[in-house]
């Protein structure tokens, strides 16, 4: 899920997707019984992370969730490597997906 539909090349703009916001969306959907939609978001985001990791060996702070084969960008600095929230959200999603 993109953070916003704005595509102005800013840090949080489309096409970027950030791990904590994926988690907030999934938790909200699950809390209201939309398990299938939550499952779809988790599977897509995990697949994006796994694809990038297989090619680069690192996890990132944000991903291009519209075109996952293209690196995320925008904002005042380059994409950060090994971000803790990506690790945590990926782990949480794997726990949910394997229940």
Protein backbone atom coordinates (compact mmCIF):
# COMPACT_ATOMS: atom_id res chain seq x y z
CA UNK A 1 0.00 0.00 0.00
CA UNK A 2 1.28 3.44 -0.89
CA UNK A 3 1.34 6.04 1.84
CA UNK A 4 -0.40 8.63 -0.32
CA UNK A 5 -1.49 8.97 -3.91
CA UNK A 6 0.68 12.10 -4.21
CA UNK A 7 3.65 11.54 -6.51
CA UNK A 8 5.75 14.63 -5.87
CA UNK A 9 9.10 12.86 -5.27
CA UNK A 10 8.96 13.40 -1.54
CA UNK A 11 10.01 10.87 1.08
CA UNK A 12 6.52 9.50 1.85
CA UNK A 13 4.95 9.96 -1.59
CA UNK A 14 3.82 7.30 -4.04
CA UNK A 15 5.16 4.90 -5.16
CA UNK A 16 6.85 4.38 -1.79
CA UNK A 17 5.50 1.97 0.81
CA UNK A 18 6.79 1.97 4.37
CA UNK A 19 6.78 -1.07 6.66
CA UNK A 20 5.06 0.54 9.68
CA UNK A 21 2.19 1.77 7.55
CA UNK A 22 1.75 -1.70 6.05
CA UNK A 23 1.53 -3.02 9.60
CA UNK A 24 -1.02 -0.38 10.69
CA UNK A 25 -3.22 -1.22 7.69
CA UNK A 26 -2.97 -4.97 8.30
CA UNK A 27 -3.73 -4.66 12.01
CA UNK A 28 -6.75 -2.45 11.30
CA UNK A 29 -8.10 -4.80 8.65
CA UNK A 30 -7.62 -7.82 10.90
CA UNK A 31 -9.32 -6.05 13.83
CA UNK A 32 -12.42 -5.48 11.71
CA UNK A 33 -12.57 -8.96 10.19
CA UNK A 34 -11.04 -8.21 6.78
CA UNK A 35 -8.59 -11.09 6.99
CA UNK A 36 -8.43 -11.74 3.25
CA UNK A 37 -7.45 -8.14 2.46
CA UNK A 38 -4.88 -8.16 5.28
CA UNK A 39 -3.47 -11.42 3.95
CA UNK A 40 -3.09 -9.92 0.47
CA UNK A 41 -1.16 -6.91 1.81
CA UNK A 42 1.10 -9.12 3.92
CA UNK A 43 1.87 -11.51 1.07
CA UNK A 44 2.60 -8.72 -1.42
CA UNK A 45 4.80 -6.74 0.96
CA UNK A 46 6.74 -9.83 2.07
CA UNK A 47 7.24 -10.86 -1.56
CA UNK A 48 8.58 -7.38 -2.37
CA UNK A 49 11.02 -7.55 0.56
CA UNK A 50 12.13 -11.09 -0.33
CA UNK A 51 12.68 -10.25 -4.00
CA UNK A 52 14.83 -7.27 -3.15
CA UNK A 53 16.74 -9.19 -0.48
CA UNK A 54 17.49 -12.03 -2.92
CA UNK A 55 19.08 -9.52 -5.31
CA UNK A 56 20.85 -7.23 -2.84
CA UNK A 57 21.28 -9.06 0.47
CA UNK A 58 19.80 -6.13 2.43
CA UNK A 59 16.48 -4.91 3.77
CA UNK A 60 15.44 -1.31 3.17
CA UNK A 61 13.49 1.35 5.05
CA UNK A 62 10.95 1.70 2.21
CA UNK A 63 10.05 0.01 -1.06
CA UNK A 64 8.53 0.98 -4.37
CA UNK A 65 5.25 -0.90 -3.92
CA UNK A 66 3.84 0.07 -7.33
CA UNK A 67 6.79 -1.25 -9.34
CA UNK A 68 8.76 -3.46 -6.90
CA UNK A 69 11.60 -4.08 -9.34
CA UNK A 70 12.43 -0.34 -9.21
CA UNK A 71 14.20 1.05 -6.14
CA UNK A 72 12.22 3.43 -3.94
CA UNK A 73 13.34 7.02 -3.90
CA UNK A 74 12.42 10.61 -3.19
CA UNK A 75 13.03 12.76 -0.20
CA UNK A 76 16.09 14.41 1.21
CA UNK A 77 18.34 11.33 1.52
CA UNK A 78 18.97 7.98 -0.17
CA UNK A 79 17.06 4.89 0.93
CA UNK A 80 18.48 3.57 4.20
CA UNK A 81 19.71 -0.03 4.51
CA UNK A 82 18.79 -2.50 7.22
CA UNK A 83 16.01 -0.52 8.80
CA UNK A 84 14.67 -2.08 12.02
CA UNK A 85 11.03 -1.49 11.29
CA UNK A 86 11.23 -3.45 8.06
CA UNK A 87 12.79 -6.37 9.96
CA UNK A 88 10.09 -6.22 12.64
CA UNK A 89 7.15 -5.92 10.26
CA UNK A 90 8.45 -8.72 8.05
CA UNK A 91 8.80 -10.96 11.11
CA UNK A 92 5.29 -10.09 12.32
CA UNK A 93 3.80 -10.77 8.90
CA UNK A 94 5.56 -14.13 8.71
CA UNK A 95 4.13 -15.04 12.12
CA UNK A 96 0.60 -14.15 10.96
CA UNK A 97 1.00 -15.92 7.62
CA UNK A 98 2.22 -19.12 9.27
CA UNK A 99 -0.58 -19.36 11.87
